[in-house]
Every structure is written in structure tokens, then in C-alpha cells.
PDB file of N, CA and C in Angstrom:
ATOM      1  N   MET A   1     -13.939 -10.613 -14.741  1.00  0.00           N
ATOM      2  CA  MET A   1     -13.377 -11.853 -14.478  1.00  0.00           C
ATOM      3  C   MET A   1     -11.750 -11.698 -14.532  1.00  0.00           C
ATOM      4  N   ALA A   2     -11.117 -12.228 -13.579  1.00  0.00           N
ATOM      5  CA  ALA A   2      -9.654 -12.117 -13.560  1.00  0.00           C
ATOM      6  C   ALA A   2      -9.033 -13.202 -14.564  1.00  0.00           C
ATOM      7  N   ALA A   3      -7.731 -12.911 -14.686  1.00  0.00           N
ATOM      8  CA  ALA A   3      -6.853 -13.782 -15.849  1.00  0.00           C
ATOM      9  C   ALA A   3      -6.820 -15.114 -15.158  1.00  0.00           C
ATOM     10  N   ASN A   4      -6.852 -15.256 -13.811  1.00  0.00           N
ATOM     11  CA  ASN A   4      -6.769 -16.638 -13.161  1.00  0.00           C
ATOM     12  C   ASN A   4      -7.986 -17.409 -13.136  1.00  0.00           C
ATOM     13  N   ASP A   5      -9.046 -16.791 -13.467  1.00  0.00           N
ATOM     14  CA  ASP A   5     -10.281 -17.540 -13.378  1.00  0.00           C
ATOM     15  C   ASP A   5     -10.399 -18.506 -14.575  1.00  0.00           C
ATOM     16  N   LEU A   6     -10.836 -19.749 -14.274  1.00  0.00           N
ATOM     17  CA  LEU A   6     -10.973 -20.774 -15.130  1.00  0.00           C
ATOM     18  C   LEU A   6     -12.279 -21.183 -15.475  1.00  0.00           C
ATOM     19  N   THR A   7     -12.640 -21.331 -16.727  1.00  0.00           N
ATOM     20  CA  THR A   7     -14.049 -21.883 -17.089  1.00  0.00           C
ATOM     21  C   THR A   7     -13.919 -23.298 -17.657  1.00  0.00           C
ATOM     22  N   SER A   8     -15.015 -23.825 -17.750  1.00  0.00           N
ATOM     23  CA  SER A   8     -14.884 -25.292 -18.398  1.00  0.00           C
ATOM     24  C   SER A   8     -14.280 -25.192 -19.814  1.00  0.00           C
ATOM     25  N   SER A   9     -14.300 -24.080 -20.543  1.00  0.00           N
ATOM     26  CA  SER A   9     -13.870 -24.037 -21.909  1.00  0.00           C
ATOM     27  C   SER A   9     -12.311 -23.969 -21.969  1.00  0.00           C
ATOM     28  N   ASP A  10     -11.788 -23.732 -20.917  1.00  0.00           N
ATOM     29  CA  ASP A  10     -10.319 -23.551 -20.619  1.00  0.00           C
ATOM     30  C   ASP A  10      -9.707 -24.994 -20.510  1.00  0.00           C
ATOM     31  N   PHE A  11     -10.439 -26.044 -20.244  1.00  0.00           N
ATOM     32  CA  PHE A  11      -9.784 -27.400 -20.164  1.00  0.00           C
ATOM     33  C   PHE A  11     -10.067 -28.249 -21.368  1.00  0.00           C
ATOM     34  N   THR A  12      -9.073 -29.021 -21.731  1.00  0.00           N
ATOM     35  CA  THR A  12      -9.252 -29.920 -22.787  1.00  0.00           C
ATOM     36  C   THR A  12     -10.193 -30.954 -22.411  1.00  0.00           C
ATOM     37  N   ALA A  13     -10.765 -31.802 -23.312  1.00  0.00           N
ATOM     38  CA  ALA A  13     -11.692 -32.775 -23.128  1.00  0.00           C
ATOM     39  C   ALA A  13     -10.900 -33.978 -22.221  1.00  0.00           C
ATOM     40  N   GLY A  14      -9.602 -34.261 -22.512  1.00  0.00           N
ATOM     41  CA  GLY A  14      -8.988 -35.034 -21.529  1.00  0.00           C
ATOM     42  C   GLY A  14      -8.762 -34.618 -20.028  1.00  0.00           C
ATOM     43  N   GLU A  15      -8.403 -33.388 -19.891  1.00  0.00           N
ATOM     44  CA  GLU A  15      -8.341 -32.721 -18.635  1.00  0.00           C
ATOM     45  C   GLU A  15      -9.653 -32.828 -17.912  1.00  0.00           C
ATOM     46  N   LYS A  16     -10.847 -32.567 -18.515  1.00  0.00           N
ATOM     47  CA  LYS A  16     -12.145 -32.674 -17.823  1.00  0.00           C
ATOM     48  C   LYS A  16     -12.442 -34.108 -17.495  1.00  0.00           C
ATOM     49  N   ALA A  17     -12.060 -35.000 -18.173  1.00  0.00           N
ATOM     50  CA  ALA A  17     -12.262 -36.413 -17.958  1.00  0.00           C
ATOM     51  C   ALA A  17     -11.376 -36.809 -16.710  1.00  0.00           C
ATOM     52  N   ARG A  18     -10.162 -36.362 -16.768  1.00  0.00           N
ATOM     53  CA  ARG A  18      -9.333 -36.696 -15.620  1.00  0.00           C
ATOM     54  C   ARG A  18      -9.763 -36.138 -14.352  1.00  0.00           C
ATOM     55  N   ILE A  19     -10.249 -34.798 -14.411  1.00  0.00           N
ATOM     56  CA  ILE A  19     -10.769 -34.239 -13.190  1.00  0.00           C
ATOM     57  C   ILE A  19     -11.938 -34.893 -12.731  1.00  0.00           C
ATOM     58  N   GLY A  20     -12.878 -35.270 -13.660  1.00  0.00           N
ATOM     59  CA  GLY A  20     -14.095 -36.017 -13.267  1.00  0.00           C
ATOM     60  C   GLY A  20     -13.770 -37.290 -12.540  1.00  0.00           C
ATOM     61  N   LEU A  21     -12.805 -37.914 -13.045  1.00  0.00           N
ATOM     62  CA  LEU A  21     -12.346 -39.270 -12.478  1.00  0.00           C
ATOM     63  C   LEU A  21     -11.727 -38.977 -11.066  1.00  0.00           C
ATOM     64  N   LEU A  22     -11.136 -37.995 -10.810  1.00  0.00           N
ATOM     65  CA  LEU A  22     -10.421 -37.656  -9.483  1.00  0.00           C
ATOM     66  C   LEU A  22     -11.478 -37.218  -8.506  1.00  0.00           C
ATOM     67  N   VAL A  23     -12.331 -36.354  -8.991  1.00  0.00           N
ATOM     68  CA  VAL A  23     -13.564 -35.964  -8.138  1.00  0.00           C
ATOM     69  C   VAL A  23     -14.265 -37.217  -7.661  1.00  0.00           C
ATOM     70  N   ALA A  24     -14.442 -38.186  -8.588  1.00  0.00           N
ATOM     71  CA  ALA A  24     -15.256 -39.521  -8.248  1.00  0.00           C
ATOM     72  C   ALA A  24     -14.482 -40.264  -7.168  1.00  0.00           C
ATOM     73  N   ARG A  25     -13.096 -40.315  -7.280  1.00  0.00           N
ATOM     74  CA  ARG A  25     -12.287 -40.947  -6.386  1.00  0.00           C
ATOM     75  C   ARG A  25     -12.241 -40.177  -5.037  1.00  0.00           C
ATOM     76  N   MET A  26     -12.364 -38.880  -4.899  1.00  0.00           N
ATOM     77  CA  MET A  26     -12.373 -38.116  -3.792  1.00  0.00           C
ATOM     78  C   MET A  26     -13.789 -38.460  -3.122  1.00  0.00           C
ATOM     79  N   ALA A  27     -14.856 -38.508  -3.873  1.00  0.00           N
ATOM     80  CA  ALA A  27     -16.163 -38.812  -3.188  1.00  0.00           C
ATOM     81  C   ALA A  27     -16.040 -40.271  -2.731  1.00  0.00           C
ATOM     82  N   LYS A  28     -15.513 -41.219  -3.370  1.00  0.00           N
ATOM     83  CA  LYS A  28     -15.457 -42.499  -2.860  1.00  0.00           C
ATOM     84  C   LYS A  28     -14.774 -42.686  -1.442  1.00  0.00           C
ATOM     85  N   ARG A  29     -13.651 -41.789  -1.419  1.00  0.00           N
ATOM     86  CA  ARG A  29     -12.790 -41.788  -0.117  1.00  0.00           C
ATOM     87  C   ARG A  29     -13.568 -41.152   0.797  1.00  0.00           C
ATOM     88  N   GLY A  30     -14.235 -39.961   0.408  1.00  0.00           N
ATOM     89  CA  GLY A  30     -15.051 -39.289   1.503  1.00  0.00           C
ATOM     90  C   GLY A  30     -16.097 -40.174   2.220  1.00  0.00           C
ATOM     91  N   MET A  31     -16.687 -41.172   1.375  1.00  0.00           N
ATOM     92  CA  MET A  31     -17.729 -42.076   1.981  1.00  0.00           C
ATOM     93  C   MET A  31     -17.080 -42.976   3.099  1.00  0.00           C
ATOM     94  N   ALA A  32     -15.750 -43.186   2.993  1.00  0.00           N
ATOM     95  CA  ALA A  32     -15.084 -44.015   4.049  1.00  0.00           C
ATOM     96  C   ALA A  32     -15.022 -43.281   5.324  1.00  0.00           C
ATOM     97  N   GLY A  33     -15.186 -42.034   5.415  1.00  0.00           N
ATOM     98  CA  GLY A  33     -15.234 -41.280   6.584  1.00  0.00           C
ATOM     99  C   GLY A  33     -14.300 -40.120   6.532  1.00  0.00           C
ATOM    100  N   PRO A  34     -14.724 -39.162   7.635  1.00  0.00           N
ATOM    101  CA  PRO A  34     -14.087 -37.850   7.588  1.00  0.00           C
ATOM    102  C   PRO A  34     -12.535 -37.843   7.850  1.00  0.00           C
ATOM    103  N   THR A  35     -11.916 -38.855   8.301  1.00  0.00           N
ATOM    104  CA  THR A  35     -10.612 -38.894   8.581  1.00  0.00           C
ATOM    105  C   THR A  35      -9.660 -39.432   7.448  1.00  0.00           C
ATOM    106  N   VAL A  36     -10.181 -39.801   6.407  1.00  0.00           N
ATOM    107  CA  VAL A  36      -9.517 -40.201   5.140  1.00  0.00           C
ATOM    108  C   VAL A  36      -8.922 -39.030   4.504  1.00  0.00           C
ATOM    109  N   ASP A  37      -7.664 -39.207   4.211  1.00  0.00           N
ATOM    110  CA  ASP A  37      -6.925 -37.958   3.507  1.00  0.00           C
ATOM    111  C   ASP A  37      -7.206 -38.106   1.969  1.00  0.00           C
ATOM    112  N   ILE A  38      -7.714 -36.866   1.514  1.00  0.00           N
ATOM    113  CA  ILE A  38      -7.746 -36.789   0.012  1.00  0.00           C
ATOM    114  C   ILE A  38      -6.891 -35.653  -0.542  1.00  0.00           C
ATOM    115  N   SER A  39      -5.922 -35.244   0.211  1.00  0.00           N
ATOM    116  CA  SER A  39      -5.041 -34.132  -0.275  1.00  0.00           C
ATOM    117  C   SER A  39      -4.200 -34.548  -1.650  1.00  0.00           C
ATOM    118  N   ASP A  40      -3.867 -35.820  -1.620  1.00  0.00           N
ATOM    119  CA  ASP A  40      -3.133 -36.269  -2.868  1.00  0.00           C
ATOM    120  C   ASP A  40      -3.957 -36.159  -4.231  1.00  0.00           C
ATOM    121  N   LEU A  41      -5.133 -36.282  -4.111  1.00  0.00           N
ATOM    122  CA  LEU A  41      -6.074 -36.154  -5.318  1.00  0.00           C
ATOM    123  C   LEU A  41      -6.372 -34.747  -5.539  1.00  0.00           C
ATOM    124  N   LYS A  42      -6.425 -33.830  -4.457  1.00  0.00           N
ATOM    125  CA  LYS A  42      -6.604 -32.419  -4.607  1.00  0.00           C
ATOM    126  C   LYS A  42      -5.435 -31.845  -5.315  1.00  0.00           C
ATOM    127  N   ARG A  43      -4.191 -32.269  -4.913  1.00  0.00           N
ATOM    128  CA  ARG A  43      -2.956 -31.828  -5.590  1.00  0.00           C
ATOM    129  C   ARG A  43      -2.946 -32.122  -7.079  1.00  0.00           C
ATOM    130  N   ARG A  44      -3.543 -33.320  -7.435  1.00  0.00           N
ATOM    131  CA  ARG A  44      -3.443 -33.728  -8.756  1.00  0.00           C
ATOM    132  C   ARG A  44      -4.299 -32.882  -9.622  1.00  0.00           C
ATOM    133  N   VAL A  45      -5.498 -32.547  -8.975  1.00  0.00           N
ATOM    134  CA  VAL A  45      -6.613 -31.557  -9.799  1.00  0.00           C
ATOM    135  C   VAL A  45      -5.912 -30.420  -9.833  1.00  0.00           C
ATOM    136  N   GLU A  46      -5.253 -29.821  -8.803  1.00  0.00           N
ATOM    137  CA  GLU A  46      -4.592 -28.449  -8.841  1.00  0.00           C
ATOM    138  C   GLU A  46      -3.471 -28.407  -9.863  1.00  0.00           C
ATOM    139  N   ARG A  47      -2.749 -29.541 -10.143  1.00  0.00           N
ATOM    140  CA  ARG A  47      -1.717 -29.389 -11.211  1.00  0.00           C
ATOM    141  C   ARG A  47      -2.421 -29.405 -12.576  1.00  0.00           C
ATOM    142  N   ILE A  48      -3.510 -30.131 -12.761  1.00  0.00           N
ATOM    143  CA  ILE A  48      -4.365 -30.025 -13.913  1.00  0.00           C
ATOM    144  C   ILE A  48      -4.802 -28.477 -14.115  1.00  0.00           C
ATOM    145  N   GLU A  49      -5.295 -27.855 -13.180  1.00  0.00           N
ATOM    146  CA  GLU A  49      -5.755 -26.431 -13.241  1.00  0.00           C
ATOM    147  C   GLU A  49      -4.551 -25.642 -13.597  1.00  0.00           C
ATOM    148  N   ASP A  50      -3.392 -25.859 -12.957  1.00  0.00           N
ATOM    149  CA  ASP A  50      -2.230 -24.957 -13.239  1.00  0.00           C
ATOM    150  C   ASP A  50      -1.858 -25.157 -14.715  1.00  0.00           C
ATOM    151  N   GLY A  51      -1.863 -26.260 -15.263  1.00  0.00           N
ATOM    152  CA  GLY A  51      -1.608 -26.421 -16.674  1.00  0.00           C
ATOM    153  C   GLY A  51      -2.595 -25.751 -17.620  1.00  0.00           C
ATOM    154  N   ALA A  52      -3.788 -25.773 -17.183  1.00  0.00           N
ATOM    155  CA  ALA A  52      -4.770 -25.064 -18.007  1.00  0.00           C
ATOM    156  C   ALA A  52      -4.599 -23.375 -17.884  1.00  0.00           C
ATOM    157  N   ARG A  53      -4.286 -23.039 -16.632  1.00  0.00           N
ATOM    158  CA  ARG A  53      -4.146 -21.577 -16.407  1.00  0.00           C
ATOM    159  C   ARG A  53      -2.842 -21.098 -17.182  1.00  0.00           C
ATOM    160  N   ARG A  54      -1.787 -21.855 -17.307  1.00  0.00           N
ATOM    161  CA  ARG A  54      -0.562 -21.571 -18.076  1.00  0.00           C
ATOM    162  C   ARG A  54      -0.930 -21.524 -19.550  1.00  0.00           C
ATOM    163  N   ARG A  55      -1.673 -22.416 -20.030  1.00  0.00           N
ATOM    164  CA  ARG A  55      -2.105 -22.440 -21.456  1.00  0.00           C
ATOM    165  C   ARG A  55      -2.874 -21.292 -21.689  1.00  0.00           C
ATOM    166  N   LYS A  56      -3.879 -20.854 -20.880  1.00  0.00           N
ATOM    167  CA  LYS A  56      -4.659 -19.805 -21.053  1.00  0.00           C
ATOM    168  C   LYS A  56      -3.882 -18.504 -21.189  1.00  0.00           C
ATOM    169  N   GLN A  57      -2.784 -18.316 -20.331  1.00  0.00           N
ATOM    170  CA  GLN A  57      -2.082 -17.148 -20.248  1.00  0.00           C
ATOM    171  C   GLN A  57      -1.114 -17.183 -21.420  1.00  0.00           C
ATOM    172  N   GLY A  58      -0.938 -18.213 -22.079  1.00  0.00           N
ATOM    173  CA  GLY A  58       0.086 -18.230 -23.399  1.00  0.00           C
ATOM    174  C   GLY A  58       1.412 -18.594 -22.968  1.00  0.00           C
ATOM    175  N   GLN A  59       1.731 -19.241 -21.933  1.00  0.00           N
ATOM    176  CA  GLN A  59       2.947 -19.594 -21.709  1.00  0.00           C
ATOM    177  C   GLN A  59       3.496 -20.850 -21.927  1.00  0.00           C
TER     178      GLN A  59
END
């Protein structure tokens, strides 16, 4: 396993909840059709993942 790999234990409870809500919003937008943009929600999830990755690396 590489240092950049994240597992569920690398996230705080709040981060898990926020990711869950963002994924639900992505699914809701996805139901509206394939042309609906969800890139803003993906970026928000990536920022949460980046924070967990920094914390895991001790920075």
C-alpha cells in the first residue's frame, strides 16, 4: 500500500459525513441527466481527501 492510499480510518467522522453528503448530492444531480456538471462537488471531495492525506503524512 502506498503512502497516498487512503482508507476509511484515515478520515475523521466529520469528513466521512461530509463526503457522504457530497456523494448523495452528486447522485441527485446525476439523476437529472448526463449533461449536469458535478465537477464542483468532486473538487470538494478531493479537498477533503487532500486534508486527510496531509494529516496521514504528518504535515
